[in-house]
Protein backbone atom coordinates (compact mmCIF):
# COMPACT_ATOMS: atom_id res chain seq x y z
CA MET A 1 146.40 -94.10 63.89
CA LYS A 2 148.01 -96.46 66.66
CA THR A 3 145.97 -96.31 70.67
CA SER A 4 147.20 -97.02 73.62
CA THR A 5 146.11 -96.22 77.31
CA GLU A 6 147.49 -96.07 81.18
CA ILE A 7 147.44 -98.97 82.91
CA ALA A 8 148.70 -97.23 86.19
CA SER A 9 144.20 -97.16 87.46
CA ILE A 10 144.30 -100.97 85.84
CA ALA A 11 147.27 -101.79 88.06
CA LYS A 12 145.74 -101.15 91.00
CA HIS A 13 143.52 -103.72 90.91
CA ILE A 14 145.42 -106.48 89.75
CA GLY A 15 149.29 -105.34 89.68
CA GLU A 16 151.16 -104.19 86.29
CA GLU A 17 152.00 -107.62 84.78
CA ALA A 18 148.25 -108.52 84.42
CA ALA A 19 147.31 -104.93 82.79
CA VAL A 20 149.68 -105.26 80.04
CA GLU A 21 148.30 -108.65 79.36
CA MET A 22 144.59 -107.46 79.45
CA VAL A 23 145.02 -104.24 77.36
CA ALA A 24 146.49 -106.59 74.37
CA LYS A 25 143.62 -108.58 75.05
CA ALA A 26 141.39 -105.80 74.75
CA GLY A 27 143.01 -104.48 71.11
CA PHE A 28 145.32 -101.61 72.24
CA ASP A 29 148.46 -101.32 70.60
CA ALA A 30 150.56 -100.23 73.11
CA PHE A 31 150.89 -99.17 76.83
CA ASP A 32 151.80 -96.14 78.97
CA PHE A 33 153.73 -97.53 81.22
CA SER A 34 152.51 -95.16 84.71
CA MET A 35 155.37 -95.31 87.05
CA PHE A 36 153.96 -93.56 90.12
CA GLU A 37 154.43 -96.12 92.05
CA MET A 38 158.36 -95.38 91.80
CA GLY A 39 157.11 -92.29 93.83
CA ARG A 40 153.81 -92.04 95.06
CA TYR A 41 153.30 -88.29 96.86
CA ASN A 42 151.23 -88.10 100.21
CA TRP A 43 149.73 -84.52 99.60
CA THR A 44 148.74 -84.37 102.98
CA THR A 45 152.21 -84.89 104.55
CA LYS A 46 154.44 -83.62 101.33
CA SER A 47 156.46 -85.92 101.34
CA MET A 48 156.96 -89.95 99.41
CA LEU A 49 155.47 -92.53 100.30
CA LYS A 50 157.44 -95.76 101.13
CA THR A 51 156.18 -98.74 99.65
CA ASN A 52 157.35 -102.70 98.73
CA HIS A 53 156.45 -102.03 95.04
CA PRO A 54 159.33 -103.28 92.75
CA LEU A 55 159.67 -99.60 90.75
CA GLN A 56 161.14 -98.88 94.47
CA SER A 57 163.62 -101.45 94.48
CA ASN A 58 167.10 -102.12 93.92
CA ASP A 59 165.60 -104.54 90.70
CA TYR A 60 162.89 -101.84 89.27
CA LEU A 61 165.29 -102.42 85.67
CA ALA A 62 164.67 -106.24 86.39
CA PHE A 63 160.59 -105.51 87.09
CA ALA A 64 161.00 -102.79 83.71
CA ARG A 65 161.77 -105.55 81.46
CA LYS A 66 159.60 -108.21 82.84
CA ILE A 67 156.97 -105.53 81.73
CA LYS A 68 157.99 -105.59 78.30
CA LYS A 69 158.33 -109.29 77.86
CA ILE A 70 154.99 -109.68 79.08
CA ALA A 71 153.31 -106.76 76.33
CA ASN A 72 156.12 -108.49 73.67
CA ASP A 73 154.33 -111.58 74.35
CA ASN A 74 151.18 -110.61 73.68
CA GLY A 75 151.84 -108.55 70.83
CA ILE A 76 151.98 -104.69 72.21
CA ILE A 77 154.97 -102.58 72.88
CA CYS A 78 154.90 -99.60 75.81
CA ASN A 79 155.17 -96.37 73.66
CA GLN A 80 155.43 -94.38 76.15
CA SER A 81 156.01 -93.67 79.62
CA HIS A 82 154.54 -91.35 82.62
CA ALA A 83 157.55 -90.46 85.61
CA PRO A 84 156.15 -90.03 88.97
CA PHE A 85 155.22 -86.62 90.28
CA PRO A 86 154.95 -83.62 91.78
CA ILE A 87 158.64 -83.13 90.89
CA CYS A 88 158.61 -80.32 93.49
CA CYS A 89 159.49 -82.73 95.69
CA PRO A 90 163.32 -83.61 95.85
CA GLU A 91 163.00 -87.51 96.50
CA ILE A 92 160.30 -88.03 93.85
CA LEU A 93 162.77 -84.98 91.34
CA ASN A 94 165.46 -87.35 92.23
CA LEU A 95 163.63 -90.54 90.28
CA GLN A 96 162.96 -89.10 86.87
CA LYS A 97 166.75 -90.83 86.42
CA ARG A 98 165.67 -93.81 87.76
CA ALA A 99 162.34 -93.55 85.50
CA ILE A 100 163.95 -92.42 82.02
CA GLU A 101 165.87 -95.87 82.49
CA CYS A 102 162.48 -98.17 82.93
CA THR A 103 161.13 -96.21 80.03
CA ALA A 104 164.13 -97.37 77.86
CA GLU A 105 164.14 -100.75 79.90
CA ALA A 106 159.99 -100.77 78.57
CA GLY A 107 161.34 -100.06 75.03
CA GLY A 108 158.89 -96.67 75.55
CA ALA A 109 160.28 -93.48 73.65
CA ILE A 110 159.01 -91.20 75.86
CA CYS A 111 158.88 -90.42 79.02
CA ILE A 112 156.24 -87.38 80.12
CA ILE A 113 157.45 -85.84 82.86
CA HIS A 114 155.43 -83.15 84.79
CA PRO A 115 156.76 -79.50 84.92
CA ASP A 116 156.96 -78.07 88.56
CA ASN A 117 153.78 -76.41 88.52
CA ASN A 118 154.52 -72.79 89.92
CA LYS A 119 157.99 -72.55 88.29
CA SER A 120 158.50 -70.28 85.21
CA ALA A 121 159.55 -71.86 81.86
CA GLU A 122 163.26 -70.79 82.16
CA GLU A 123 163.45 -72.17 85.72
CA ASN A 124 161.73 -75.49 84.40
CA ALA A 125 164.06 -75.59 81.62
CA GLU A 126 166.93 -75.50 83.97
CA ILE A 127 165.16 -79.03 85.59
CA TYR A 128 164.67 -80.54 82.09
CA MET A 129 168.39 -79.74 80.32
CA GLU A 130 169.73 -81.24 83.90
CA LEU A 131 168.08 -84.56 83.06
CA LEU A 132 168.40 -84.19 78.94
CA PRO A 133 171.80 -85.77 78.72
CA PHE A 134 171.04 -88.99 80.54
CA ALA A 135 167.50 -89.24 78.31
CA LYS A 136 169.89 -88.39 75.43
CA GLU A 137 172.19 -91.47 76.54
CA HIS A 138 169.17 -93.72 76.68
CA GLY A 139 167.39 -93.01 73.35
CA VAL A 140 164.52 -91.64 75.27
CA LYS A 141 162.81 -88.17 74.36
CA ILE A 142 161.61 -86.56 77.71
CA ALA A 143 157.99 -85.07 77.20
CA THR A 144 156.33 -81.71 79.09
CA GLU A 145 152.72 -81.58 79.92
CA ASN A 146 150.32 -78.84 80.15
CA MET A 147 148.93 -78.75 84.01
CA PHE A 148 146.64 -76.58 86.22
CA ASN A 149 146.13 -75.30 89.72
CA TRP A 150 142.91 -75.31 91.51
CA ASP A 151 141.14 -72.57 92.90
CA ILE A 152 139.04 -74.61 95.96
CA GLU A 153 136.27 -71.50 96.90
CA LYS A 154 135.92 -70.98 93.24
CA ASN A 155 135.85 -74.52 92.15
CA CYS A 156 137.50 -73.91 88.95
CA ALA A 157 140.80 -74.35 87.28
CA LEU A 158 143.85 -71.75 87.86
CA PRO A 159 146.94 -70.83 85.84
CA ALA A 160 150.15 -73.16 85.94
CA ALA A 161 153.42 -74.47 83.75
CA CYS A 162 152.32 -75.13 80.12
CA SER A 163 148.37 -74.58 80.68
CA ASP A 164 147.83 -72.20 77.84
CA ALA A 165 149.39 -72.39 74.25
CA LYS A 166 151.91 -69.59 74.78
CA SER A 167 152.99 -70.92 78.03
CA PHE A 168 153.23 -74.64 76.69
CA LEU A 169 155.61 -73.08 73.85
CA GLU A 170 157.69 -70.84 76.24
CA HIS A 171 158.79 -73.92 78.25
CA ILE A 172 159.36 -76.08 74.77
CA LYS A 173 161.70 -73.09 73.33
CA ALA A 174 163.20 -72.62 76.94
CA VAL A 175 164.68 -76.10 76.41
CA ASN A 176 165.32 -76.10 72.71
CA ASP A 177 166.24 -79.59 71.84
CA PRO A 178 164.44 -82.53 69.43
CA PHE A 179 164.48 -84.64 72.61
CA PHE A 180 162.82 -82.77 74.82
CA VAL A 181 158.57 -82.50 73.16
CA ALA A 182 155.15 -82.06 74.11
CA CYS A 183 152.46 -84.12 75.92
CA LEU A 184 148.96 -82.40 75.53
CA ASP A 185 146.64 -83.74 77.89
CA ILE A 186 142.99 -83.04 76.22
CA GLY A 187 141.44 -83.00 79.23
CA HIS A 188 143.67 -80.09 81.12
CA ALA A 189 143.64 -78.49 78.09
CA GLU A 190 139.48 -77.74 78.13
CA MET A 191 138.90 -76.69 81.70
CA LYS A 192 137.73 -73.16 81.96
CA GLY A 193 139.50 -70.87 83.63
CA LEU A 194 142.81 -71.23 81.66
CA ASN A 195 142.09 -69.50 78.89
CA THR A 196 143.31 -71.89 76.29
CA SER A 197 140.95 -75.38 74.42
CA ALA A 198 142.83 -78.62 72.91
CA THR A 199 142.62 -77.06 69.20
CA GLU A 200 144.79 -74.21 70.06
CA MET A 201 146.97 -75.84 71.98
CA ILE A 202 147.44 -78.51 69.21
CA HIS A 203 147.98 -75.65 66.50
CA THR A 204 150.07 -73.78 68.34
CA LEU A 205 152.51 -76.90 69.57
CA GLY A 206 152.59 -78.12 65.67
CA ALA A 207 155.10 -80.61 65.37
CA HIS A 208 156.34 -80.56 68.74
CA LEU A 209 152.98 -82.39 69.77
CA GLN A 210 154.43 -85.99 70.19
CA ALA A 211 152.07 -87.49 72.54
CA LEU A 212 149.08 -87.39 74.20
CA HIS A 213 146.92 -87.61 77.47
CA ILE A 214 143.32 -88.29 76.02
CA HIS A 215 139.86 -88.37 78.45
CA ASP A 216 136.56 -86.58 78.88
CA ASN A 217 135.35 -83.87 81.43
CA ASP A 218 132.78 -81.50 82.03
CA LEU A 219 134.64 -78.60 80.03
CA ALA A 220 135.36 -77.54 84.00
CA HIS A 221 136.69 -80.28 86.00
CA ASP A 222 139.99 -82.88 85.87
CA SER A 223 137.32 -85.88 85.08
CA HIS A 224 139.59 -88.10 83.43
CA GLN A 225 136.78 -90.63 81.83
CA ILE A 226 136.19 -92.24 79.00
CA PRO A 227 135.90 -90.76 75.60
CA PHE A 228 132.46 -89.80 74.26
CA SER A 229 130.87 -90.08 77.67
CA MET A 230 131.06 -86.11 78.48
CA ASP A 231 131.18 -82.69 76.75
CA ILE A 232 134.79 -82.81 74.86
CA ASP A 233 134.36 -82.13 71.23
CA PHE A 234 136.64 -84.49 70.06
CA ASN A 235 135.63 -83.95 66.37
CA ALA A 236 137.62 -80.57 66.83
CA VAL A 237 140.57 -82.09 68.52
CA VAL A 238 140.66 -85.31 66.05
CA ASN A 239 140.40 -81.93 62.78
CA ALA A 240 143.30 -80.33 64.50
CA LEU A 241 145.41 -83.18 64.93
CA LYS A 242 145.29 -84.13 61.23
CA ALA A 243 146.01 -80.19 60.29
CA VAL A 244 148.90 -80.36 62.17
CA LYS A 245 149.96 -83.93 60.75
CA TYR A 246 150.14 -85.80 64.45
CA ASN A 247 151.90 -88.95 63.79
CA GLY A 248 152.00 -90.38 67.73
CA PHE A 249 149.56 -92.75 69.23
CA LEU A 250 146.25 -92.01 70.92
CA THR A 251 146.89 -92.58 74.39
CA LEU A 252 144.02 -92.60 76.79
CA GLU A 253 144.48 -91.46 80.37
CA ALA A 254 140.97 -91.89 81.30
CA ASP A 255 141.98 -93.66 84.92
CA ARG A 256 139.49 -92.49 86.76
CA TYR A 257 136.75 -94.67 84.50
CA CYS A 258 138.67 -97.68 85.94
CA GLY A 259 139.62 -96.38 89.48
CA ASN A 260 136.13 -97.72 90.81
CA ALA A 261 136.14 -101.15 88.73
CA THR A 262 136.11 -104.56 90.56
CA LYS A 263 138.43 -107.51 89.51
CA ASP A 264 134.98 -108.58 88.24
CA ASN A 265 134.32 -106.11 85.47
CA ILE A 266 137.99 -104.55 84.88
CA PHE A 267 138.73 -106.52 81.75
CA SER A 268 135.19 -104.97 80.22
CA LYS A 269 135.55 -101.23 81.13
CA ILE A 270 139.41 -102.07 79.39
CA GLN A 271 137.32 -103.26 76.51
CA GLN A 272 135.20 -100.01 76.13
CA MET A 273 138.02 -97.86 76.66
CA SER A 274 139.79 -99.77 73.91
CA ALA A 275 136.70 -99.41 71.60
CA ALA A 276 136.73 -95.90 72.64
CA ALA A 277 140.50 -95.52 71.31
CA LYS A 278 139.60 -96.95 68.39
CA LYS A 279 136.38 -95.24 67.84
CA LEU A 280 139.27 -92.26 67.88
CA SER A 281 141.70 -93.67 65.05
CA ASP A 282 138.57 -94.12 62.78
CA MET A 283 138.14 -90.40 63.12
CA PHE A 284 141.93 -90.22 61.02
CA ASP A 285 140.62 -92.05 57.83
């Protein structure tokens, strides 16, 4: 199984260009083109932040091509991307086609686009079906992801779009298109309060499951830590993936593990993530 990782948490320290190079040198086979700077959301003002990032400029496709060249020069590829969110913000919803374009330019096969947490499968399907013709033109599949809401007072997760196996499958079937697939966030699936598990999700999704976000947690909070550092049973996860014949990439999203890094230790942290991803890959043998 080939390995990959998100690059947003690394890029915030050293930029996307250096992040891709370091991910390759650490031993990953690919990278998840994390495009949050295309439309970063201010959760307090509930609006999109304007920045000077190239993904917000008119030269966004040139930036995506630059990232692809750096990856190719270092022997890795873009396996998937992550569009900005939340799509309940109209400005960010309008950027989803730009994210699909950048995915295609970077060489990615799948663009992960979050559902609206509080919309039904049918309502979210309308959003995805509007984007699908554009995605098909660019040869990019759209993947939805299992989400959650949060109860601050009780300090626990609450249901949201795709947050359990039934809701996730309803979303997939509401669109019913081979270019619309599932990205399972392993950590989200293991948060108590959502009445599911990663293994249940995997078995329910079956062949629809074509992308992953892998990270560890305490089975309660969205910790986004390196695999094998907390409480998720990755033996069970791998066995379930093997049972459904999953043949996508093992993509880490342990962004909080690198989030508190420094320029001096960031490469060491990426190497540790690569070792964890390699351990997962070896478990498939």
